[in-house]
N, C-alpha and C. Protein backbone atom coordinates (compact mmCIF):
# COMPACT_ATOMS: atom_id res chain seq x y z
N MET A 1 -23.31 4.72 -17.45
CA MET A 1 -21.96 5.24 -17.48
C MET A 1 -21.85 6.53 -16.65
N PHE A 2 -22.64 7.54 -16.97
CA PHE A 2 -22.65 8.77 -16.18
C PHE A 2 -23.74 8.70 -15.12
N THR A 3 -23.47 9.32 -14.00
CA THR A 3 -24.48 9.42 -12.94
C THR A 3 -25.48 10.50 -13.31
N ASP A 4 -26.58 10.54 -12.59
CA ASP A 4 -27.57 11.60 -12.82
C ASP A 4 -26.94 12.98 -12.62
N GLY A 5 -26.10 13.11 -11.60
CA GLY A 5 -25.44 14.40 -11.35
C GLY A 5 -24.52 14.81 -12.48
N GLU A 6 -23.82 13.84 -13.07
CA GLU A 6 -22.92 14.15 -14.18
C GLU A 6 -23.71 14.52 -15.44
N ILE A 7 -24.81 13.84 -15.67
CA ILE A 7 -25.67 14.18 -16.82
C ILE A 7 -26.25 15.58 -16.62
N THR A 8 -26.59 15.91 -15.39
CA THR A 8 -27.08 17.26 -15.10
C THR A 8 -26.02 18.29 -15.44
N LYS A 9 -24.74 18.00 -15.15
CA LYS A 9 -23.66 18.92 -15.49
C LYS A 9 -23.54 19.09 -17.01
N ILE A 10 -23.72 18.02 -17.75
CA ILE A 10 -23.65 18.10 -19.21
C ILE A 10 -24.78 19.01 -19.73
N PHE A 11 -25.99 18.79 -19.20
CA PHE A 11 -27.12 19.65 -19.61
C PHE A 11 -26.87 21.10 -19.21
N ARG A 12 -26.27 21.31 -18.04
CA ARG A 12 -25.96 22.67 -17.59
C ARG A 12 -24.95 23.32 -18.54
N ALA A 13 -23.96 22.55 -18.99
CA ALA A 13 -22.97 23.09 -19.94
C ALA A 13 -23.63 23.42 -21.28
N LEU A 14 -24.51 22.54 -21.74
CA LEU A 14 -25.22 22.82 -23.00
C LEU A 14 -26.08 24.07 -22.88
N SER A 15 -26.76 24.20 -21.76
CA SER A 15 -27.60 25.38 -21.53
C SER A 15 -26.75 26.64 -21.44
N PHE A 16 -25.64 26.57 -20.73
CA PHE A 16 -24.72 27.70 -20.58
C PHE A 16 -24.20 28.14 -21.95
N ALA A 17 -23.71 27.16 -22.73
CA ALA A 17 -23.16 27.48 -24.05
C ALA A 17 -24.25 28.04 -24.97
N ALA A 18 -25.43 27.44 -24.93
CA ALA A 18 -26.53 27.93 -25.78
C ALA A 18 -26.89 29.37 -25.41
N ASP A 19 -26.92 29.66 -24.13
CA ASP A 19 -27.23 31.02 -23.70
C ASP A 19 -26.14 32.00 -24.14
N LYS A 20 -24.90 31.63 -23.94
CA LYS A 20 -23.79 32.53 -24.30
C LYS A 20 -23.70 32.77 -25.81
N HIS A 21 -23.99 31.74 -26.59
CA HIS A 21 -23.89 31.84 -28.05
C HIS A 21 -25.22 32.22 -28.71
N ARG A 22 -26.24 32.55 -27.91
CA ARG A 22 -27.60 32.70 -28.43
C ARG A 22 -27.75 33.70 -29.58
N ARG A 23 -26.97 34.72 -29.61
CA ARG A 23 -27.10 35.74 -30.66
C ARG A 23 -26.07 35.56 -31.78
N GLN A 24 -25.27 34.52 -31.67
CA GLN A 24 -24.20 34.32 -32.65
C GLN A 24 -24.63 33.37 -33.77
N ARG A 25 -24.09 33.63 -34.92
CA ARG A 25 -24.30 32.78 -36.08
C ARG A 25 -22.93 32.45 -36.66
N ARG A 26 -22.84 31.30 -37.31
CA ARG A 26 -21.62 30.97 -38.03
C ARG A 26 -21.53 31.90 -39.23
N LYS A 27 -20.37 31.97 -39.84
CA LYS A 27 -20.15 32.92 -40.94
C LYS A 27 -20.55 32.37 -42.30
N ASP A 28 -21.15 31.18 -42.33
CA ASP A 28 -21.57 30.59 -43.60
C ASP A 28 -22.75 31.37 -44.19
N SER A 29 -23.06 31.10 -45.43
CA SER A 29 -24.11 31.85 -46.13
C SER A 29 -25.48 31.64 -45.49
N GLU A 30 -25.69 30.53 -44.81
CA GLU A 30 -26.98 30.27 -44.16
C GLU A 30 -27.06 30.85 -42.75
N GLN A 31 -25.94 31.40 -42.26
CA GLN A 31 -25.93 31.97 -40.91
C GLN A 31 -26.41 30.94 -39.88
N THR A 32 -25.82 29.75 -39.93
CA THR A 32 -26.16 28.66 -39.03
C THR A 32 -26.01 29.10 -37.58
N PRO A 33 -26.95 28.72 -36.71
CA PRO A 33 -26.78 29.07 -35.28
C PRO A 33 -25.43 28.55 -34.76
N TYR A 34 -24.70 29.39 -34.06
CA TYR A 34 -23.36 29.04 -33.61
C TYR A 34 -23.35 27.80 -32.71
N ILE A 35 -24.36 27.64 -31.88
CA ILE A 35 -24.38 26.52 -30.93
C ILE A 35 -24.29 25.17 -31.62
N ASN A 36 -24.68 25.11 -32.89
CA ASN A 36 -24.57 23.84 -33.61
C ASN A 36 -23.12 23.35 -33.65
N HIS A 37 -22.18 24.28 -33.71
CA HIS A 37 -20.76 23.90 -33.80
C HIS A 37 -20.28 23.16 -32.55
N PRO A 38 -20.39 23.72 -31.34
CA PRO A 38 -19.91 22.95 -30.19
C PRO A 38 -20.67 21.63 -29.99
N ILE A 39 -21.94 21.59 -30.39
CA ILE A 39 -22.69 20.33 -30.28
C ILE A 39 -22.11 19.29 -31.22
N LYS A 40 -21.79 19.67 -32.46
CA LYS A 40 -21.18 18.72 -33.41
C LYS A 40 -19.81 18.27 -32.90
N VAL A 41 -19.05 19.20 -32.35
CA VAL A 41 -17.70 18.87 -31.88
C VAL A 41 -17.77 17.87 -30.72
N VAL A 42 -18.65 18.12 -29.76
CA VAL A 42 -18.73 17.21 -28.61
C VAL A 42 -19.31 15.86 -29.01
N GLU A 43 -20.25 15.85 -29.95
CA GLU A 43 -20.80 14.57 -30.41
C GLU A 43 -19.71 13.75 -31.09
N THR A 44 -18.84 14.42 -31.84
CA THR A 44 -17.73 13.74 -32.50
C THR A 44 -16.73 13.22 -31.47
N LEU A 45 -16.45 14.02 -30.48
CA LEU A 45 -15.55 13.60 -29.41
C LEU A 45 -16.07 12.30 -28.77
N TRP A 46 -17.36 12.28 -28.51
CA TRP A 46 -18.00 11.13 -27.86
C TRP A 46 -18.07 9.92 -28.79
N SER A 47 -18.66 10.10 -29.97
CA SER A 47 -18.95 8.95 -30.82
C SER A 47 -17.77 8.50 -31.67
N GLN A 48 -17.03 9.42 -32.24
CA GLN A 48 -15.88 9.05 -33.07
C GLN A 48 -14.63 8.78 -32.24
N GLY A 49 -14.43 9.61 -31.22
CA GLY A 49 -13.22 9.50 -30.42
C GLY A 49 -13.34 8.58 -29.22
N GLY A 50 -14.58 8.23 -28.86
CA GLY A 50 -14.78 7.39 -27.68
C GLY A 50 -14.36 8.08 -26.39
N VAL A 51 -14.41 9.41 -26.39
CA VAL A 51 -14.00 10.19 -25.22
C VAL A 51 -15.22 10.36 -24.32
N HIS A 52 -15.13 9.80 -23.11
CA HIS A 52 -16.24 9.84 -22.17
C HIS A 52 -15.84 10.42 -20.82
N GLU A 53 -14.74 11.18 -20.79
CA GLU A 53 -14.32 11.82 -19.55
C GLU A 53 -15.13 13.10 -19.35
N LEU A 54 -15.81 13.18 -18.22
CA LEU A 54 -16.76 14.26 -17.99
C LEU A 54 -16.14 15.64 -18.17
N ASP A 55 -15.00 15.91 -17.58
CA ASP A 55 -14.41 17.25 -17.68
C ASP A 55 -14.07 17.61 -19.13
N VAL A 56 -13.63 16.64 -19.91
CA VAL A 56 -13.31 16.90 -21.32
C VAL A 56 -14.60 17.17 -22.09
N ILE A 57 -15.65 16.42 -21.82
CA ILE A 57 -16.94 16.63 -22.48
C ILE A 57 -17.46 18.04 -22.16
N LEU A 58 -17.42 18.40 -20.89
CA LEU A 58 -17.90 19.73 -20.49
C LEU A 58 -17.08 20.84 -21.15
N ALA A 59 -15.77 20.70 -21.12
CA ALA A 59 -14.89 21.72 -21.71
C ALA A 59 -15.10 21.81 -23.22
N CYS A 60 -15.37 20.69 -23.85
CA CYS A 60 -15.62 20.70 -25.28
C CYS A 60 -16.89 21.49 -25.60
N ILE A 61 -17.93 21.28 -24.85
CA ILE A 61 -19.18 22.03 -25.04
C ILE A 61 -18.92 23.53 -24.89
N LEU A 62 -18.04 23.87 -23.96
CA LEU A 62 -17.77 25.27 -23.61
C LEU A 62 -16.57 25.86 -24.34
N HIS A 63 -15.98 25.11 -25.28
CA HIS A 63 -14.65 25.47 -25.80
C HIS A 63 -14.57 26.84 -26.46
N ASP A 64 -15.65 27.38 -26.98
CA ASP A 64 -15.60 28.69 -27.63
C ASP A 64 -16.24 29.80 -26.80
N THR A 65 -16.74 29.49 -25.63
CA THR A 65 -17.49 30.50 -24.88
C THR A 65 -16.62 31.66 -24.40
N VAL A 66 -15.43 31.39 -23.93
CA VAL A 66 -14.58 32.48 -23.43
C VAL A 66 -14.02 33.28 -24.60
N GLU A 67 -13.65 32.60 -25.65
CA GLU A 67 -13.05 33.27 -26.82
C GLU A 67 -14.07 34.12 -27.58
N ASP A 68 -15.32 33.66 -27.64
CA ASP A 68 -16.28 34.29 -28.55
C ASP A 68 -17.50 34.91 -27.88
N THR A 69 -17.58 34.87 -26.55
CA THR A 69 -18.73 35.47 -25.86
C THR A 69 -18.23 36.27 -24.66
N ASP A 70 -19.16 36.71 -23.84
CA ASP A 70 -18.78 37.46 -22.64
C ASP A 70 -18.46 36.55 -21.45
N ALA A 71 -18.43 35.26 -21.65
CA ALA A 71 -18.07 34.32 -20.57
C ALA A 71 -16.61 34.54 -20.18
N SER A 72 -16.31 34.30 -18.92
CA SER A 72 -14.94 34.42 -18.44
C SER A 72 -14.47 33.07 -17.89
N LEU A 73 -13.17 32.91 -17.81
CA LEU A 73 -12.63 31.68 -17.21
C LEU A 73 -13.03 31.57 -15.75
N ALA A 74 -13.12 32.70 -15.06
CA ALA A 74 -13.55 32.68 -13.65
C ALA A 74 -14.98 32.16 -13.54
N GLU A 75 -15.82 32.57 -14.46
CA GLU A 75 -17.21 32.10 -14.47
C GLU A 75 -17.27 30.60 -14.77
N ILE A 76 -16.49 30.16 -15.74
CA ILE A 76 -16.44 28.73 -16.08
C ILE A 76 -15.97 27.94 -14.86
N GLU A 77 -14.94 28.44 -14.18
CA GLU A 77 -14.43 27.74 -13.00
C GLU A 77 -15.48 27.69 -11.89
N ARG A 78 -16.16 28.79 -11.67
CA ARG A 78 -17.18 28.85 -10.62
C ARG A 78 -18.33 27.87 -10.89
N VAL A 79 -18.75 27.78 -12.12
CA VAL A 79 -19.90 26.94 -12.47
C VAL A 79 -19.51 25.48 -12.71
N PHE A 80 -18.34 25.26 -13.34
CA PHE A 80 -18.00 23.91 -13.78
C PHE A 80 -16.73 23.34 -13.16
N GLY A 81 -16.00 24.14 -12.42
CA GLY A 81 -14.82 23.64 -11.74
C GLY A 81 -13.52 23.98 -12.43
N ARG A 82 -12.46 23.85 -11.66
CA ARG A 82 -11.12 24.23 -12.13
C ARG A 82 -10.65 23.37 -13.30
N ALA A 83 -10.89 22.07 -13.25
CA ALA A 83 -10.40 21.20 -14.33
C ALA A 83 -11.02 21.59 -15.67
N VAL A 84 -12.30 21.91 -15.67
CA VAL A 84 -12.97 22.33 -16.91
C VAL A 84 -12.44 23.68 -17.37
N SER A 85 -12.32 24.62 -16.45
CA SER A 85 -11.83 25.95 -16.86
C SER A 85 -10.39 25.88 -17.37
N THR A 86 -9.59 25.00 -16.82
CA THR A 86 -8.21 24.84 -17.29
C THR A 86 -8.19 24.32 -18.73
N LEU A 87 -9.04 23.35 -19.03
CA LEU A 87 -9.13 22.83 -20.40
C LEU A 87 -9.63 23.91 -21.35
N VAL A 88 -10.66 24.65 -20.95
CA VAL A 88 -11.18 25.72 -21.80
C VAL A 88 -10.08 26.76 -22.04
N ALA A 89 -9.33 27.09 -21.00
CA ALA A 89 -8.24 28.08 -21.16
C ALA A 89 -7.21 27.60 -22.18
N GLU A 90 -6.91 26.31 -22.17
CA GLU A 90 -5.90 25.78 -23.09
C GLU A 90 -6.32 25.92 -24.55
N VAL A 91 -7.62 25.87 -24.83
CA VAL A 91 -8.07 25.92 -26.23
C VAL A 91 -8.65 27.29 -26.60
N THR A 92 -8.45 28.27 -25.73
CA THR A 92 -8.94 29.63 -25.98
C THR A 92 -7.82 30.50 -26.49
N ASP A 93 -8.06 31.10 -27.66
CA ASP A 93 -7.09 32.06 -28.21
C ASP A 93 -7.23 33.40 -27.49
N ASP A 94 -6.13 34.10 -27.38
CA ASP A 94 -6.12 35.45 -26.82
C ASP A 94 -6.50 36.42 -27.93
N LYS A 95 -7.74 36.88 -27.91
CA LYS A 95 -8.25 37.74 -28.98
C LYS A 95 -7.60 39.13 -28.99
N SER A 96 -6.81 39.45 -27.97
CA SER A 96 -6.11 40.75 -28.00
C SER A 96 -4.90 40.69 -28.94
N LEU A 97 -4.50 39.49 -29.34
CA LEU A 97 -3.37 39.33 -30.25
C LEU A 97 -3.85 39.38 -31.70
N PRO A 98 -3.00 39.81 -32.61
CA PRO A 98 -3.38 39.78 -34.03
C PRO A 98 -3.61 38.34 -34.49
N LYS A 99 -4.50 38.17 -35.44
CA LYS A 99 -4.85 36.83 -35.92
C LYS A 99 -3.63 36.00 -36.35
N PRO A 100 -2.67 36.54 -37.10
CA PRO A 100 -1.51 35.72 -37.47
C PRO A 100 -0.75 35.19 -36.25
N GLU A 101 -0.67 36.00 -35.21
CA GLU A 101 0.01 35.57 -33.98
C GLU A 101 -0.78 34.46 -33.29
N ARG A 102 -2.08 34.61 -33.24
CA ARG A 102 -2.92 33.56 -32.63
C ARG A 102 -2.77 32.25 -33.38
N LYS A 103 -2.74 32.33 -34.69
CA LYS A 103 -2.58 31.11 -35.50
C LYS A 103 -1.21 30.48 -35.28
N ARG A 104 -0.18 31.32 -35.22
CA ARG A 104 1.18 30.81 -34.98
C ARG A 104 1.25 30.11 -33.63
N LEU A 105 0.64 30.73 -32.63
CA LEU A 105 0.66 30.15 -31.28
C LEU A 105 -0.09 28.82 -31.22
N GLN A 106 -1.17 28.68 -31.96
CA GLN A 106 -1.87 27.39 -31.97
C GLN A 106 -0.95 26.29 -32.48
N VAL A 107 -0.21 26.57 -33.54
CA VAL A 107 0.72 25.58 -34.08
C VAL A 107 1.82 25.28 -33.06
N GLU A 108 2.39 26.33 -32.50
CA GLU A 108 3.51 26.19 -31.57
C GLU A 108 3.10 25.45 -30.29
N ARG A 109 1.93 25.75 -29.78
CA ARG A 109 1.50 25.19 -28.49
C ARG A 109 0.83 23.83 -28.58
N ALA A 110 0.42 23.41 -29.77
CA ALA A 110 -0.33 22.15 -29.90
C ALA A 110 0.35 20.96 -29.22
N PRO A 111 1.65 20.75 -29.42
CA PRO A 111 2.27 19.59 -28.79
C PRO A 111 2.29 19.64 -27.26
N GLN A 112 2.23 20.84 -26.68
CA GLN A 112 2.29 20.98 -25.22
C GLN A 112 0.93 20.94 -24.53
N LEU A 113 -0.16 20.90 -25.30
CA LEU A 113 -1.48 20.87 -24.68
C LEU A 113 -1.66 19.60 -23.86
N SER A 114 -2.50 19.67 -22.87
CA SER A 114 -2.86 18.47 -22.12
C SER A 114 -3.58 17.50 -23.05
N HIS A 115 -3.67 16.25 -22.64
CA HIS A 115 -4.34 15.24 -23.46
C HIS A 115 -5.78 15.66 -23.77
N GLY A 116 -6.51 16.10 -22.75
CA GLY A 116 -7.90 16.51 -22.95
C GLY A 116 -8.03 17.68 -23.91
N ALA A 117 -7.16 18.66 -23.80
CA ALA A 117 -7.19 19.82 -24.70
C ALA A 117 -6.86 19.40 -26.13
N LYS A 118 -5.94 18.47 -26.29
CA LYS A 118 -5.62 17.97 -27.63
C LYS A 118 -6.85 17.32 -28.26
N LEU A 119 -7.58 16.54 -27.47
CA LEU A 119 -8.79 15.89 -28.00
C LEU A 119 -9.81 16.92 -28.48
N ILE A 120 -10.03 17.94 -27.66
CA ILE A 120 -10.98 19.00 -28.03
C ILE A 120 -10.51 19.72 -29.28
N ARG A 121 -9.27 20.10 -29.32
CA ARG A 121 -8.71 20.83 -30.46
C ARG A 121 -8.82 20.00 -31.74
N LEU A 122 -8.57 18.71 -31.64
CA LEU A 122 -8.61 17.84 -32.81
C LEU A 122 -10.03 17.71 -33.36
N ALA A 123 -11.00 17.48 -32.50
CA ALA A 123 -12.39 17.39 -32.95
C ALA A 123 -12.86 18.73 -33.52
N ASP A 124 -12.45 19.81 -32.90
CA ASP A 124 -12.81 21.15 -33.38
C ASP A 124 -12.22 21.41 -34.76
N LYS A 125 -10.96 21.08 -34.96
CA LYS A 125 -10.33 21.31 -36.26
C LYS A 125 -11.00 20.47 -37.34
N ALA A 126 -11.38 19.24 -37.02
CA ALA A 126 -12.06 18.39 -38.00
C ALA A 126 -13.34 19.06 -38.50
N TRP A 127 -14.12 19.60 -37.57
CA TRP A 127 -15.37 20.25 -37.98
C TRP A 127 -15.12 21.58 -38.67
N ASN A 128 -14.10 22.30 -38.27
CA ASN A 128 -13.79 23.54 -38.96
C ASN A 128 -13.37 23.27 -40.41
N VAL A 129 -12.60 22.21 -40.61
CA VAL A 129 -12.20 21.81 -41.96
C VAL A 129 -13.44 21.47 -42.79
N TYR A 130 -14.32 20.71 -42.22
CA TYR A 130 -15.56 20.36 -42.92
C TYR A 130 -16.32 21.63 -43.30
N ASP A 131 -16.46 22.53 -42.34
CA ASP A 131 -17.22 23.76 -42.60
C ASP A 131 -16.55 24.64 -43.66
N VAL A 132 -15.24 24.71 -43.65
CA VAL A 132 -14.55 25.51 -44.65
C VAL A 132 -14.78 24.95 -46.06
N ALA A 133 -14.94 23.65 -46.15
CA ALA A 133 -15.19 23.03 -47.45
C ALA A 133 -16.66 23.11 -47.88
N TYR A 134 -17.57 22.85 -46.95
CA TYR A 134 -18.98 22.70 -47.32
C TYR A 134 -19.88 23.85 -46.89
N ALA A 135 -19.46 24.63 -45.94
CA ALA A 135 -20.26 25.79 -45.49
C ALA A 135 -19.30 26.92 -45.11
N PRO A 136 -18.49 27.35 -46.09
CA PRO A 136 -17.44 28.33 -45.76
C PRO A 136 -18.02 29.70 -45.42
N PRO A 137 -17.24 30.47 -44.67
CA PRO A 137 -17.65 31.86 -44.47
C PRO A 137 -17.90 32.51 -45.83
N ALA A 138 -19.00 33.20 -45.92
CA ALA A 138 -19.44 33.74 -47.21
C ALA A 138 -18.41 34.64 -47.87
N HIS A 139 -17.63 35.34 -47.09
CA HIS A 139 -16.67 36.30 -47.64
C HIS A 139 -15.28 35.72 -47.87
N TRP A 140 -15.07 34.43 -47.59
CA TRP A 140 -13.74 33.85 -47.75
C TRP A 140 -13.48 33.48 -49.21
N PRO A 141 -12.44 34.04 -49.82
CA PRO A 141 -12.07 33.60 -51.17
C PRO A 141 -11.47 32.19 -51.12
N PHE A 142 -11.40 31.59 -52.28
CA PHE A 142 -10.88 30.23 -52.41
C PHE A 142 -9.50 30.09 -51.77
N GLU A 143 -8.61 31.04 -52.00
CA GLU A 143 -7.24 30.96 -51.49
C GLU A 143 -7.22 30.90 -49.97
N ARG A 144 -8.09 31.65 -49.34
CA ARG A 144 -8.13 31.65 -47.87
C ARG A 144 -8.60 30.29 -47.36
N ARG A 145 -9.54 29.69 -48.06
CA ARG A 145 -10.01 28.36 -47.66
C ARG A 145 -8.87 27.34 -47.74
N VAL A 146 -8.10 27.40 -48.82
CA VAL A 146 -6.96 26.49 -48.98
C VAL A 146 -5.92 26.74 -47.89
N GLU A 147 -5.62 28.00 -47.64
CA GLU A 147 -4.66 28.34 -46.58
C GLU A 147 -5.12 27.83 -45.23
N TYR A 148 -6.42 27.90 -44.96
CA TYR A 148 -6.94 27.42 -43.68
C TYR A 148 -6.71 25.92 -43.53
N LEU A 149 -6.98 25.17 -44.58
CA LEU A 149 -6.76 23.72 -44.52
C LEU A 149 -5.30 23.41 -44.23
N THR A 150 -4.40 24.12 -44.91
CA THR A 150 -2.96 23.91 -44.71
C THR A 150 -2.57 24.24 -43.27
N TRP A 151 -3.12 25.33 -42.75
CA TRP A 151 -2.82 25.70 -41.37
C TRP A 151 -3.30 24.64 -40.39
N THR A 152 -4.51 24.09 -40.61
CA THR A 152 -5.00 23.06 -39.67
C THR A 152 -4.09 21.85 -39.68
N GLU A 153 -3.52 21.53 -40.83
CA GLU A 153 -2.59 20.39 -40.89
C GLU A 153 -1.40 20.63 -39.96
N ARG A 154 -0.92 21.87 -39.93
CA ARG A 154 0.21 22.21 -39.06
C ARG A 154 -0.18 22.10 -37.58
N VAL A 155 -1.38 22.55 -37.24
CA VAL A 155 -1.85 22.44 -35.86
C VAL A 155 -2.00 20.97 -35.49
N VAL A 156 -2.68 20.22 -36.34
CA VAL A 156 -2.97 18.81 -36.04
C VAL A 156 -1.69 17.98 -35.97
N ALA A 157 -0.66 18.35 -36.70
CA ALA A 157 0.62 17.63 -36.60
C ALA A 157 1.11 17.60 -35.15
N GLY A 158 0.87 18.67 -34.42
CA GLY A 158 1.28 18.73 -33.02
C GLY A 158 0.33 18.02 -32.07
N LEU A 159 -0.82 17.60 -32.56
CA LEU A 159 -1.81 16.89 -31.73
C LEU A 159 -1.74 15.38 -31.92
N ARG A 160 -1.06 14.94 -32.94
CA ARG A 160 -1.05 13.52 -33.30
C ARG A 160 -0.54 12.66 -32.14
N GLY A 161 -1.14 11.48 -32.05
CA GLY A 161 -0.78 10.54 -31.00
C GLY A 161 -1.73 10.57 -29.83
N CYS A 162 -2.73 11.43 -29.87
CA CYS A 162 -3.63 11.54 -28.72
C CYS A 162 -4.86 10.64 -28.86
N ASN A 163 -5.34 10.39 -30.09
CA ASN A 163 -6.53 9.56 -30.28
C ASN A 163 -6.61 9.20 -31.76
N SER A 164 -6.28 7.96 -32.09
CA SER A 164 -6.20 7.57 -33.50
C SER A 164 -7.55 7.67 -34.20
N SER A 165 -8.65 7.42 -33.51
CA SER A 165 -9.97 7.52 -34.14
C SER A 165 -10.29 8.96 -34.52
N LEU A 166 -10.00 9.90 -33.62
CA LEU A 166 -10.23 11.31 -33.95
C LEU A 166 -9.28 11.78 -35.05
N GLU A 167 -8.05 11.28 -35.03
CA GLU A 167 -7.10 11.64 -36.08
C GLU A 167 -7.60 11.13 -37.43
N ASP A 168 -8.13 9.90 -37.45
CA ASP A 168 -8.70 9.36 -38.69
C ASP A 168 -9.90 10.20 -39.15
N PHE A 169 -10.72 10.64 -38.20
CA PHE A 169 -11.87 11.48 -38.53
C PHE A 169 -11.41 12.80 -39.14
N TYR A 170 -10.41 13.42 -38.53
CA TYR A 170 -9.83 14.66 -39.09
C TYR A 170 -9.26 14.39 -40.48
N ASP A 171 -8.47 13.32 -40.63
CA ASP A 171 -7.85 13.02 -41.91
C ASP A 171 -8.90 12.84 -43.00
N ALA A 172 -9.98 12.16 -42.68
CA ALA A 172 -11.06 11.96 -43.65
C ALA A 172 -11.73 13.30 -43.99
N ALA A 173 -11.95 14.13 -42.99
CA ALA A 173 -12.54 15.45 -43.23
C ALA A 173 -11.62 16.28 -44.12
N LEU A 174 -10.33 16.22 -43.86
CA LEU A 174 -9.36 16.98 -44.65
C LEU A 174 -9.33 16.48 -46.09
N ARG A 175 -9.30 15.15 -46.27
CA ARG A 175 -9.32 14.58 -47.63
C ARG A 175 -10.56 15.04 -48.39
N ASP A 176 -11.71 14.93 -47.73
CA ASP A 176 -12.97 15.35 -48.37
C ASP A 176 -12.95 16.85 -48.69
N ALA A 177 -12.40 17.64 -47.78
CA ALA A 177 -12.34 19.08 -47.99
C ALA A 177 -11.45 19.42 -49.18
N LYS A 178 -10.33 18.75 -49.30
CA LYS A 178 -9.43 19.00 -50.42
C LYS A 178 -10.08 18.62 -51.75
N ILE A 179 -10.81 17.52 -51.75
CA ILE A 179 -11.54 17.12 -52.95
C ILE A 179 -12.59 18.16 -53.29
N ARG A 180 -13.32 18.62 -52.28
CA ARG A 180 -14.35 19.61 -52.51
C ARG A 180 -13.74 20.92 -53.05
N LEU A 181 -12.64 21.34 -52.48
CA LEU A 181 -12.01 22.57 -52.95
C LEU A 181 -11.46 22.42 -54.36
N ALA A 182 -10.92 21.23 -54.68
CA ALA A 182 -10.43 20.99 -56.03
C ALA A 182 -11.59 21.04 -57.03
N THR A 183 -12.73 20.47 -56.63
CA THR A 183 -13.92 20.52 -57.47
C THR A 183 -14.39 21.96 -57.66
N ASP A 184 -14.40 22.73 -56.56
CA ASP A 184 -14.78 24.13 -56.64
C ASP A 184 -13.84 24.91 -57.57
N ALA A 185 -12.55 24.60 -57.51
CA ALA A 185 -11.56 25.29 -58.35
C ALA A 185 -11.80 24.98 -59.83
N GLN A 186 -12.16 23.72 -60.13
CA GLN A 186 -12.42 23.33 -61.51
C GLN A 186 -13.66 24.03 -62.07
N ARG A 187 -14.65 24.26 -61.20
CA ARG A 187 -15.88 24.93 -61.63
C ARG A 187 -15.67 26.42 -61.89
N ALA A 188 -14.69 26.98 -61.19
CA ALA A 188 -14.47 28.45 -61.28
C ALA A 188 -13.83 28.86 -62.59
């Protein structure tokens, strides 16, 4: 399916993302290496969503590098090309804005994203929902976890229609997360 050169680009993106995220950990109690997240998201894009477009795969691997590391869109464009940097830009929040504004903009902009960006955002939200349920940030109270799930539903509403398999994957993750949170609430 992919040529040797295309596979080399995928490995280059994995290496780039691993290097950029090398000192980062997820906020869960186990401090999971951050790179695990983009790897899970891209694997889901590939296996659950059947997405095999090279630029989308590359952008998915790199989707958090500009937002969460010292990587720049210019660097992404120089190394991986304009199409990849454009996709990464679409799914990158402007960290100079307050968090409520960034969240509002994700909801507002979701329907206008390109098809490839919608796919990345959908797979990313599915894994974030899973993590909030099963490996939540250690400092997040129950209410914040519930609010996060509700917010993802609003974002995903604007992504619907882009890939039914990924939407089903998100829906299943959300159902499981709600069950897990309800169980957690009963234990408390």
